[in-house]
Amino acid sequence: MVDKTMCYICNKSFSNNRAMTSHRRWHDLPKYKEFQKSFKSKMKGRSMNAGKEHPMYGKHKSEDIKEKISLANNGMNNGCWKGEKASYNSIHEWVRNHKPKSLVCEICHKNKKTELMNIDHKGKRNINDYIWACRKCHVNYDYKTNKRGGKHKDKMS
């Protein structure tokens, strides 16, 4: 009986069954001919430079080049940039990264833990539309502007 990790056509040994099955496709067997044709047509014209044959093999980018690449793919130039179509959490994260955090609530001016609050509740990417407020002021503001449901006693007025 032939070992499972050995090709029964060329007797080449493999570390696992998956590698051997992949290898067998390249033998000149009728059931693999169609696969070979489709694969070769897909790969036609593509550069097969991999490993040591790749032009950048063993070379490293300088810090200056890395900085230029980083700046070129930053913000709106990034392929994943969604602009105003970004989710609520994504826009809040963007504002958190661009608006310096205040240790003092911008409504009551007390030294409390603050969270980011959207003033007009439209969720636009406008830094001036966000403030750092303590939890109490944030909840009170949301109830005043009817952005939270239910009854709430306003303690601010």
N, C-alpha and C. Protein backbone atom coordinates (compact mmCIF):
# COMPACT_ATOMS: atom_id res chain seq x y z
N MET A 1 0.84 -1.19 0.00
CA MET A 1 0.00 0.00 0.00
C MET A 1 0.89 1.25 0.00
N VAL A 2 0.50 2.26 -0.79
CA VAL A 2 1.26 3.49 -0.92
C VAL A 2 0.95 4.39 0.27
N ASP A 3 1.99 5.03 0.84
CA ASP A 3 1.83 5.94 1.96
C ASP A 3 0.96 7.13 1.54
N LYS A 4 0.09 7.63 2.45
CA LYS A 4 -0.82 8.73 2.12
C LYS A 4 -0.08 10.01 1.79
N THR A 5 1.10 10.18 2.33
CA THR A 5 1.84 11.40 2.08
C THR A 5 2.84 11.25 0.94
N MET A 6 2.63 10.26 0.08
CA MET A 6 3.53 10.05 -1.04
C MET A 6 2.70 10.03 -2.34
N CYS A 7 3.15 10.77 -3.33
CA CYS A 7 2.45 10.79 -4.61
C CYS A 7 2.61 9.43 -5.29
N TYR A 8 1.49 8.83 -5.68
CA TYR A 8 1.56 7.49 -6.30
C TYR A 8 2.03 7.55 -7.75
N ILE A 9 2.20 8.76 -8.29
CA ILE A 9 2.64 8.89 -9.68
C ILE A 9 4.15 9.05 -9.75
N CYS A 10 4.69 9.97 -8.93
CA CYS A 10 6.13 10.24 -9.00
C CYS A 10 6.89 9.85 -7.73
N ASN A 11 6.18 9.30 -6.74
CA ASN A 11 6.76 8.86 -5.47
C ASN A 11 7.43 9.98 -4.67
N LYS A 12 7.01 11.22 -4.89
CA LYS A 12 7.53 12.32 -4.10
C LYS A 12 6.81 12.33 -2.76
N SER A 13 7.54 12.53 -1.66
CA SER A 13 6.90 12.51 -0.34
C SER A 13 6.54 13.94 0.09
N PHE A 14 5.46 14.04 0.91
CA PHE A 14 4.95 15.32 1.36
C PHE A 14 4.70 15.28 2.86
N SER A 15 4.70 16.45 3.46
CA SER A 15 4.51 16.53 4.91
C SER A 15 3.06 16.29 5.32
N ASN A 16 2.13 16.61 4.42
CA ASN A 16 0.72 16.35 4.73
C ASN A 16 -0.06 15.99 3.48
N ASN A 17 -1.26 15.51 3.68
CA ASN A 17 -2.10 15.03 2.59
C ASN A 17 -2.54 16.17 1.66
N ARG A 18 -2.77 17.35 2.23
CA ARG A 18 -3.23 18.49 1.44
C ARG A 18 -2.18 18.90 0.41
N ALA A 19 -0.92 18.95 0.83
CA ALA A 19 0.16 19.33 -0.08
C ALA A 19 0.29 18.31 -1.21
N MET A 20 0.12 17.04 -0.87
CA MET A 20 0.23 16.00 -1.88
C MET A 20 -0.90 16.12 -2.91
N THR A 21 -2.12 16.37 -2.43
CA THR A 21 -3.27 16.51 -3.34
C THR A 21 -3.06 17.68 -4.28
N SER A 22 -2.55 18.78 -3.75
CA SER A 22 -2.27 19.95 -4.57
C SER A 22 -1.20 19.62 -5.63
N HIS A 23 -0.21 18.84 -5.24
CA HIS A 23 0.88 18.46 -6.16
C HIS A 23 0.35 17.60 -7.30
N ARG A 24 -0.54 16.69 -7.01
CA ARG A 24 -1.02 15.75 -8.02
C ARG A 24 -1.73 16.44 -9.19
N ARG A 25 -2.27 17.65 -8.93
CA ARG A 25 -2.97 18.37 -10.00
C ARG A 25 -2.08 18.65 -11.20
N TRP A 26 -0.79 18.73 -10.95
CA TRP A 26 0.13 19.11 -12.02
C TRP A 26 0.64 17.94 -12.84
N HIS A 27 0.24 16.74 -12.46
CA HIS A 27 0.58 15.59 -13.29
C HIS A 27 -0.32 15.57 -14.52
N ASP A 28 0.13 14.95 -15.54
CA ASP A 28 -0.58 14.95 -16.82
C ASP A 28 -1.71 13.91 -16.80
N LEU A 29 -2.69 14.12 -15.92
CA LEU A 29 -3.83 13.21 -15.82
C LEU A 29 -5.05 13.88 -16.42
N PRO A 30 -5.93 13.13 -17.05
CA PRO A 30 -7.10 13.73 -17.70
C PRO A 30 -7.97 14.57 -16.77
N LYS A 31 -8.14 14.15 -15.50
CA LYS A 31 -9.03 14.90 -14.62
C LYS A 31 -8.43 16.23 -14.16
N TYR A 32 -7.12 16.41 -14.31
CA TYR A 32 -6.50 17.66 -13.92
C TYR A 32 -6.20 18.59 -15.09
N LYS A 33 -6.39 18.13 -16.31
CA LYS A 33 -6.07 18.96 -17.49
C LYS A 33 -6.90 20.24 -17.52
N GLU A 34 -8.19 20.12 -17.22
CA GLU A 34 -9.07 21.29 -17.26
C GLU A 34 -8.64 22.31 -16.19
N PHE A 35 -8.29 21.81 -15.01
CA PHE A 35 -7.81 22.70 -13.95
C PHE A 35 -6.54 23.42 -14.38
N GLN A 36 -5.61 22.69 -14.97
CA GLN A 36 -4.36 23.28 -15.40
C GLN A 36 -4.58 24.37 -16.43
N LYS A 37 -5.48 24.13 -17.38
CA LYS A 37 -5.76 25.13 -18.42
C LYS A 37 -6.34 26.40 -17.79
N SER A 38 -7.32 26.24 -16.90
CA SER A 38 -7.94 27.42 -16.30
C SER A 38 -6.95 28.19 -15.43
N PHE A 39 -6.11 27.48 -14.67
CA PHE A 39 -5.15 28.14 -13.80
C PHE A 39 -4.09 28.88 -14.61
N LYS A 40 -3.58 28.24 -15.65
CA LYS A 40 -2.56 28.87 -16.47
C LYS A 40 -3.10 30.10 -17.20
N SER A 41 -4.38 30.05 -17.63
CA SER A 41 -4.95 31.21 -18.32
C SER A 41 -5.16 32.36 -17.33
N LYS A 42 -5.48 32.05 -16.08
CA LYS A 42 -5.64 33.11 -15.07
C LYS A 42 -4.30 33.76 -14.75
N MET A 43 -3.26 32.96 -14.72
CA MET A 43 -1.95 33.45 -14.32
C MET A 43 -1.15 34.04 -15.48
N LYS A 44 -1.68 33.95 -16.70
CA LYS A 44 -0.96 34.44 -17.87
C LYS A 44 -0.73 35.95 -17.77
N GLY A 45 0.47 36.37 -17.98
CA GLY A 45 0.80 37.79 -17.96
C GLY A 45 1.12 38.32 -16.57
N ARG A 46 0.94 37.50 -15.52
CA ARG A 46 1.26 37.95 -14.17
C ARG A 46 2.72 37.65 -13.85
N SER A 47 3.29 38.54 -13.11
CA SER A 47 4.66 38.33 -12.69
C SER A 47 4.70 37.28 -11.59
N MET A 48 5.56 36.33 -11.71
CA MET A 48 5.67 35.29 -10.71
C MET A 48 6.90 35.52 -9.83
N ASN A 49 7.27 36.80 -9.65
CA ASN A 49 8.40 37.11 -8.80
C ASN A 49 8.00 36.93 -7.35
N ALA A 50 8.54 35.91 -6.74
CA ALA A 50 8.26 35.66 -5.34
C ALA A 50 9.55 35.25 -4.67
N GLY A 51 9.65 35.53 -3.38
CA GLY A 51 10.83 35.14 -2.64
C GLY A 51 12.07 35.85 -3.13
N LYS A 52 13.11 35.12 -3.40
CA LYS A 52 14.40 35.71 -3.79
C LYS A 52 14.36 36.39 -5.16
N GLU A 53 13.39 36.03 -6.00
CA GLU A 53 13.30 36.64 -7.33
C GLU A 53 12.57 37.97 -7.31
N HIS A 54 11.91 38.32 -6.19
CA HIS A 54 11.20 39.59 -6.10
C HIS A 54 12.21 40.73 -6.04
N PRO A 55 11.97 41.83 -6.78
CA PRO A 55 12.95 42.92 -6.83
C PRO A 55 13.21 43.59 -5.48
N MET A 56 12.28 43.50 -4.53
CA MET A 56 12.48 44.12 -3.22
C MET A 56 12.99 43.13 -2.17
N TYR A 57 13.31 41.91 -2.58
CA TYR A 57 13.78 40.89 -1.64
C TYR A 57 15.07 41.35 -0.95
N GLY A 58 15.05 41.33 0.37
CA GLY A 58 16.24 41.71 1.14
C GLY A 58 16.46 43.20 1.29
N LYS A 59 15.63 44.03 0.66
CA LYS A 59 15.79 45.47 0.75
C LYS A 59 14.78 46.02 1.76
N HIS A 60 15.13 47.12 2.40
CA HIS A 60 14.26 47.73 3.39
C HIS A 60 14.02 49.18 3.02
N LYS A 61 12.83 49.68 3.33
CA LYS A 61 12.51 51.07 3.05
C LYS A 61 13.09 51.96 4.14
N SER A 62 13.57 53.12 3.76
CA SER A 62 14.11 54.06 4.74
C SER A 62 12.95 54.68 5.52
N GLU A 63 13.26 55.26 6.67
CA GLU A 63 12.23 55.90 7.51
C GLU A 63 11.56 57.05 6.75
N ASP A 64 12.33 57.76 5.92
CA ASP A 64 11.79 58.86 5.13
C ASP A 64 10.73 58.36 4.15
N ILE A 65 11.02 57.26 3.48
CA ILE A 65 10.08 56.67 2.52
C ILE A 65 8.84 56.17 3.24
N LYS A 66 9.03 55.52 4.40
CA LYS A 66 7.89 55.03 5.18
C LYS A 66 6.97 56.17 5.59
N GLU A 67 7.56 57.31 5.97
CA GLU A 67 6.78 58.48 6.37
C GLU A 67 6.00 59.04 5.18
N LYS A 68 6.62 59.09 4.00
CA LYS A 68 5.94 59.58 2.80
C LYS A 68 4.77 58.67 2.42
N ILE A 69 4.97 57.36 2.52
CA ILE A 69 3.89 56.41 2.20
C ILE A 69 2.76 56.57 3.20
N SER A 70 3.08 56.74 4.47
CA SER A 70 2.07 56.92 5.51
C SER A 70 1.24 58.16 5.26
N LEU A 71 1.91 59.27 4.92
CA LEU A 71 1.18 60.51 4.65
C LEU A 71 0.34 60.43 3.38
N ALA A 72 0.83 59.69 2.39
CA ALA A 72 0.10 59.55 1.13
C ALA A 72 -1.19 58.75 1.30
N ASN A 73 -1.23 57.84 2.29
CA ASN A 73 -2.41 57.01 2.52
C ASN A 73 -3.22 57.46 3.73
N ASN A 74 -3.02 58.68 4.16
CA ASN A 74 -3.67 59.18 5.36
C ASN A 74 -5.01 59.84 5.03
N GLY A 75 -5.99 59.68 5.92
CA GLY A 75 -7.28 60.37 5.81
C GLY A 75 -8.03 60.04 4.54
N MET A 76 -8.40 61.07 3.80
CA MET A 76 -9.24 60.89 2.62
C MET A 76 -8.53 60.15 1.49
N ASN A 77 -7.20 60.09 1.51
CA ASN A 77 -6.46 59.37 0.48
C ASN A 77 -6.45 57.86 0.71
N ASN A 78 -6.89 57.44 1.88
CA ASN A 78 -6.91 56.01 2.20
C ASN A 78 -8.03 55.34 1.42
N GLY A 79 -7.78 54.15 0.91
CA GLY A 79 -8.77 53.43 0.12
C GLY A 79 -9.99 53.02 0.93
N CYS A 80 -9.88 52.95 2.24
CA CYS A 80 -11.01 52.55 3.09
C CYS A 80 -11.80 53.74 3.62
N TRP A 81 -11.45 54.96 3.24
CA TRP A 81 -12.12 56.16 3.74
C TRP A 81 -13.57 56.19 3.26
N LYS A 82 -14.51 56.39 4.18
CA LYS A 82 -15.93 56.43 3.83
C LYS A 82 -16.52 57.83 3.94
N GLY A 83 -15.81 58.76 4.53
CA GLY A 83 -16.29 60.13 4.65
C GLY A 83 -17.52 60.21 5.53
N GLU A 84 -18.58 60.85 5.04
CA GLU A 84 -19.81 61.02 5.80
C GLU A 84 -20.63 59.74 5.89
N LYS A 85 -20.30 58.73 5.11
CA LYS A 85 -21.03 57.46 5.14
C LYS A 85 -20.52 56.53 6.23
N ALA A 86 -19.53 56.98 6.99
CA ALA A 86 -18.96 56.16 8.06
C ALA A 86 -19.98 55.95 9.17
N SER A 87 -19.80 54.90 9.93
CA SER A 87 -20.74 54.56 11.00
C SER A 87 -20.60 55.54 12.17
N TYR A 88 -21.58 55.51 13.06
CA TYR A 88 -21.60 56.35 14.26
C TYR A 88 -20.32 56.16 15.07
N ASN A 89 -19.96 54.90 15.32
CA ASN A 89 -18.77 54.60 16.12
C ASN A 89 -17.49 55.05 15.42
N SER A 90 -17.42 54.91 14.11
CA SER A 90 -16.23 55.32 13.36
C SER A 90 -16.02 56.83 13.44
N ILE A 91 -17.10 57.58 13.31
CA ILE A 91 -17.00 59.04 13.38
C ILE A 91 -16.60 59.47 14.78
N HIS A 92 -17.19 58.83 15.81
CA HIS A 92 -16.81 59.16 17.19
C HIS A 92 -15.32 58.85 17.43
N GLU A 93 -14.85 57.75 16.89
CA GLU A 93 -13.43 57.40 17.05
C GLU A 93 -12.54 58.43 16.34
N TRP A 94 -12.97 58.86 15.16
CA TRP A 94 -12.21 59.87 14.41
C TRP A 94 -12.13 61.17 15.20
N VAL A 95 -13.26 61.59 15.77
CA VAL A 95 -13.28 62.84 16.56
C VAL A 95 -12.42 62.67 17.81
N ARG A 96 -12.50 61.50 18.47
CA ARG A 96 -11.68 61.23 19.65
C ARG A 96 -10.20 61.36 19.34
N ASN A 97 -9.81 60.95 18.14
CA ASN A 97 -8.40 61.02 17.75
C ASN A 97 -7.97 62.42 17.34
N HIS A 98 -8.91 63.27 16.94
CA HIS A 98 -8.56 64.60 16.43
C HIS A 98 -8.89 65.75 17.39
N LYS A 99 -9.75 65.52 18.38
CA LYS A 99 -10.10 66.56 19.34
C LYS A 99 -9.46 66.23 20.68
N PRO A 100 -8.62 67.11 21.19
CA PRO A 100 -7.94 66.82 22.46
C PRO A 100 -8.94 66.62 23.59
N LYS A 101 -8.69 65.61 24.42
CA LYS A 101 -9.60 65.29 25.51
C LYS A 101 -9.47 66.32 26.62
N SER A 102 -10.62 66.77 27.13
CA SER A 102 -10.66 67.71 28.22
C SER A 102 -10.92 66.95 29.51
N LEU A 103 -10.23 67.30 30.58
CA LEU A 103 -10.46 66.67 31.88
C LEU A 103 -11.58 67.36 32.64
N VAL A 104 -12.07 68.47 32.07
CA VAL A 104 -13.13 69.25 32.70
C VAL A 104 -14.34 69.24 31.78
N CYS A 105 -15.52 69.03 32.36
CA CYS A 105 -16.77 69.04 31.58
C CYS A 105 -16.96 70.43 30.97
N GLU A 106 -17.26 70.49 29.69
CA GLU A 106 -17.42 71.78 29.01
C GLU A 106 -18.79 72.41 29.25
N ILE A 107 -19.68 71.71 29.99
CA ILE A 107 -21.00 72.27 30.32
C ILE A 107 -21.02 72.78 31.76
N CYS A 108 -20.69 71.91 32.72
CA CYS A 108 -20.74 72.31 34.14
C CYS A 108 -19.39 72.77 34.68
N HIS A 109 -18.33 72.58 33.91
CA HIS A 109 -16.97 73.01 34.25
C HIS A 109 -16.45 72.35 35.53
N LYS A 110 -16.92 71.14 35.82
CA LYS A 110 -16.42 70.39 36.97
C LYS A 110 -15.37 69.40 36.50
N ASN A 111 -14.45 69.08 37.39
CA ASN A 111 -13.38 68.16 37.08
C ASN A 111 -13.89 66.73 37.25
N LYS A 112 -14.52 66.19 36.20
CA LYS A 112 -15.08 64.85 36.22
C LYS A 112 -14.60 64.08 35.00
N LYS A 113 -14.83 62.76 35.04
CA LYS A 113 -14.53 61.94 33.87
C LYS A 113 -15.45 62.39 32.73
N THR A 114 -14.88 62.62 31.54
CA THR A 114 -15.68 63.15 30.44
C THR A 114 -15.82 62.13 29.31
N GLU A 115 -16.88 62.33 28.52
CA GLU A 115 -17.12 61.50 27.34
C GLU A 115 -17.48 62.42 26.19
N LEU A 116 -17.32 61.93 25.00
CA LEU A 116 -17.58 62.73 23.80
C LEU A 116 -19.08 62.84 23.56
N MET A 117 -19.53 64.06 23.31
CA MET A 117 -20.96 64.30 23.10
C MET A 117 -21.19 65.07 21.80
N ASN A 118 -22.12 64.60 20.99
CA ASN A 118 -22.48 65.26 19.74
C ASN A 118 -23.55 66.29 20.05
N ILE A 119 -23.35 67.54 19.65
CA ILE A 119 -24.27 68.62 20.02
C ILE A 119 -25.56 68.57 19.20
N ASP A 120 -25.47 68.48 17.87
CA ASP A 120 -26.70 68.52 17.07
C ASP A 120 -27.25 67.14 16.71
N HIS A 121 -26.58 66.07 17.13
CA HIS A 121 -27.03 64.68 16.92
C HIS A 121 -27.22 64.32 15.46
N LYS A 122 -26.48 64.96 14.57
CA LYS A 122 -26.55 64.60 13.15
C LYS A 122 -25.44 63.62 12.77
N GLY A 123 -24.42 63.50 13.60
CA GLY A 123 -23.35 62.54 13.36
C GLY A 123 -22.44 62.90 12.21
N LYS A 124 -22.25 64.18 11.95
CA LYS A 124 -21.36 64.61 10.88
C LYS A 124 -19.92 64.64 11.38
N ARG A 125 -18.98 64.61 10.47
CA ARG A 125 -17.56 64.62 10.79
C ARG A 125 -17.09 66.07 10.94
N ASN A 126 -17.58 66.73 11.98
CA ASN A 126 -17.25 68.12 12.25
C ASN A 126 -16.78 68.20 13.71
N ILE A 127 -15.53 68.49 13.93
CA ILE A 127 -14.97 68.51 15.28
C ILE A 127 -15.66 69.54 16.16
N ASN A 128 -16.08 70.67 15.59
CA ASN A 128 -16.72 71.72 16.37
C ASN A 128 -18.12 71.34 16.82
N ASP A 129 -18.65 70.24 16.31
CA ASP A 129 -19.99 69.79 16.68
C ASP A 129 -19.94 68.81 17.86
N TYR A 130 -18.76 68.60 18.43
CA TYR A 130 -18.59 67.67 19.55
C TYR A 130 -17.96 68.41 20.72
N ILE A 131 -18.38 68.02 21.94
CA ILE A 131 -17.76 68.56 23.15
C ILE A 131 -17.50 67.41 24.11
N TRP A 132 -16.62 67.67 25.10
CA TRP A 132 -16.35 66.70 26.15
C TRP A 132 -17.22 67.08 27.33
N ALA A 133 -18.12 66.16 27.71
CA ALA A 133 -19.05 66.42 28.81
C ALA A 133 -19.04 65.25 29.78
N CYS A 134 -19.36 65.54 31.06
CA CYS A 134 -19.48 64.46 32.03
C CYS A 134 -20.76 63.68 31.73
N ARG A 135 -20.87 62.51 32.29
CA ARG A 135 -22.02 61.63 32.01
C ARG A 135 -23.34 62.31 32.37
N LYS A 136 -23.39 62.96 33.51
CA LYS A 136 -24.62 63.62 33.97
C LYS A 136 -25.08 64.69 32.99
N CYS A 137 -24.16 65.55 32.57
CA CYS A 137 -24.52 66.62 31.62
C CYS A 137 -24.89 66.05 30.26
N HIS A 138 -24.22 64.99 29.84
CA HIS A 138 -24.51 64.36 28.56
C HIS A 138 -25.93 63.80 28.55
N VAL A 139 -26.31 63.08 29.60
CA VAL A 139 -27.65 62.50 29.68
C VAL A 139 -28.70 63.61 29.76
N ASN A 140 -28.46 64.62 30.60
CA ASN A 140 -29.41 65.73 30.71
C ASN A 140 -29.60 66.44 29.38
N TYR A 141 -28.52 66.66 28.65
CA TYR A 141 -28.61 67.32 27.34
C TYR A 141 -29.43 66.48 26.36
N ASP A 142 -29.21 65.18 26.37
CA ASP A 142 -29.95 64.30 25.47
C ASP A 142 -31.44 64.28 25.79
N TYR A 143 -31.80 64.33 27.08
CA TYR A 143 -33.22 64.37 27.44
C TYR A 143 -33.84 65.70 27.06
N LYS A 144 -33.09 66.78 27.24
CA LYS A 144 -33.59 68.11 26.87
C LYS A 144 -33.89 68.21 25.38
N THR A 145 -33.04 67.59 24.57
CA THR A 145 -33.21 67.66 23.12
C THR A 145 -34.02 66.49 22.57
N ASN A 146 -34.65 65.73 23.47
CA ASN A 146 -35.51 64.59 23.11
C ASN A 146 -34.77 63.51 22.31
N LYS A 147 -33.51 63.31 22.62
CA LYS A 147 -32.74 62.26 21.94
C LYS A 147 -32.73 60.97 22.73
N ARG A 148 -33.28 61.01 23.94
CA ARG A 148 -33.45 59.80 24.76
C ARG A 148 -34.93 59.70 25.12
N GLY A 149 -35.43 58.50 25.13
CA GLY A 149 -36.85 58.31 25.46
C GLY A 149 -37.08 58.27 26.96
N GLY A 150 -38.34 58.26 27.36
CA GLY A 150 -38.69 58.15 28.78
C GLY A 150 -38.71 59.48 29.49
N LYS A 151 -39.12 59.41 30.77
CA LYS A 151 -39.19 60.62 31.59
C LYS A 151 -37.89 60.80 32.34
N HIS A 152 -37.50 62.06 32.47
CA HIS A 152 -36.26 62.36 33.17
C HIS A 152 -36.43 63.71 33.84
N LYS A 153 -36.06 63.78 35.11
CA LYS A 153 -36.12 65.05 35.82
C LYS A 153 -34.86 65.85 35.47
N ASP A 154 -35.07 67.03 34.98
CA ASP A 154 -33.94 67.86 34.59
C ASP A 154 -33.34 68.49 35.84
N LYS A 155 -32.11 68.13 36.14
CA LYS A 155 -31.43 68.65 37.32
C LYS A 155 -30.59 69.87 37.00
N MET A 156 -30.50 70.21 35.72
CA MET A 156 -29.62 71.31 35.32
C MET A 156 -30.32 72.66 35.44
N SER A 157 -31.63 72.69 35.37
CA SER A 157 -32.30 74.01 35.36
C SER A 157 -32.71 74.45 36.74
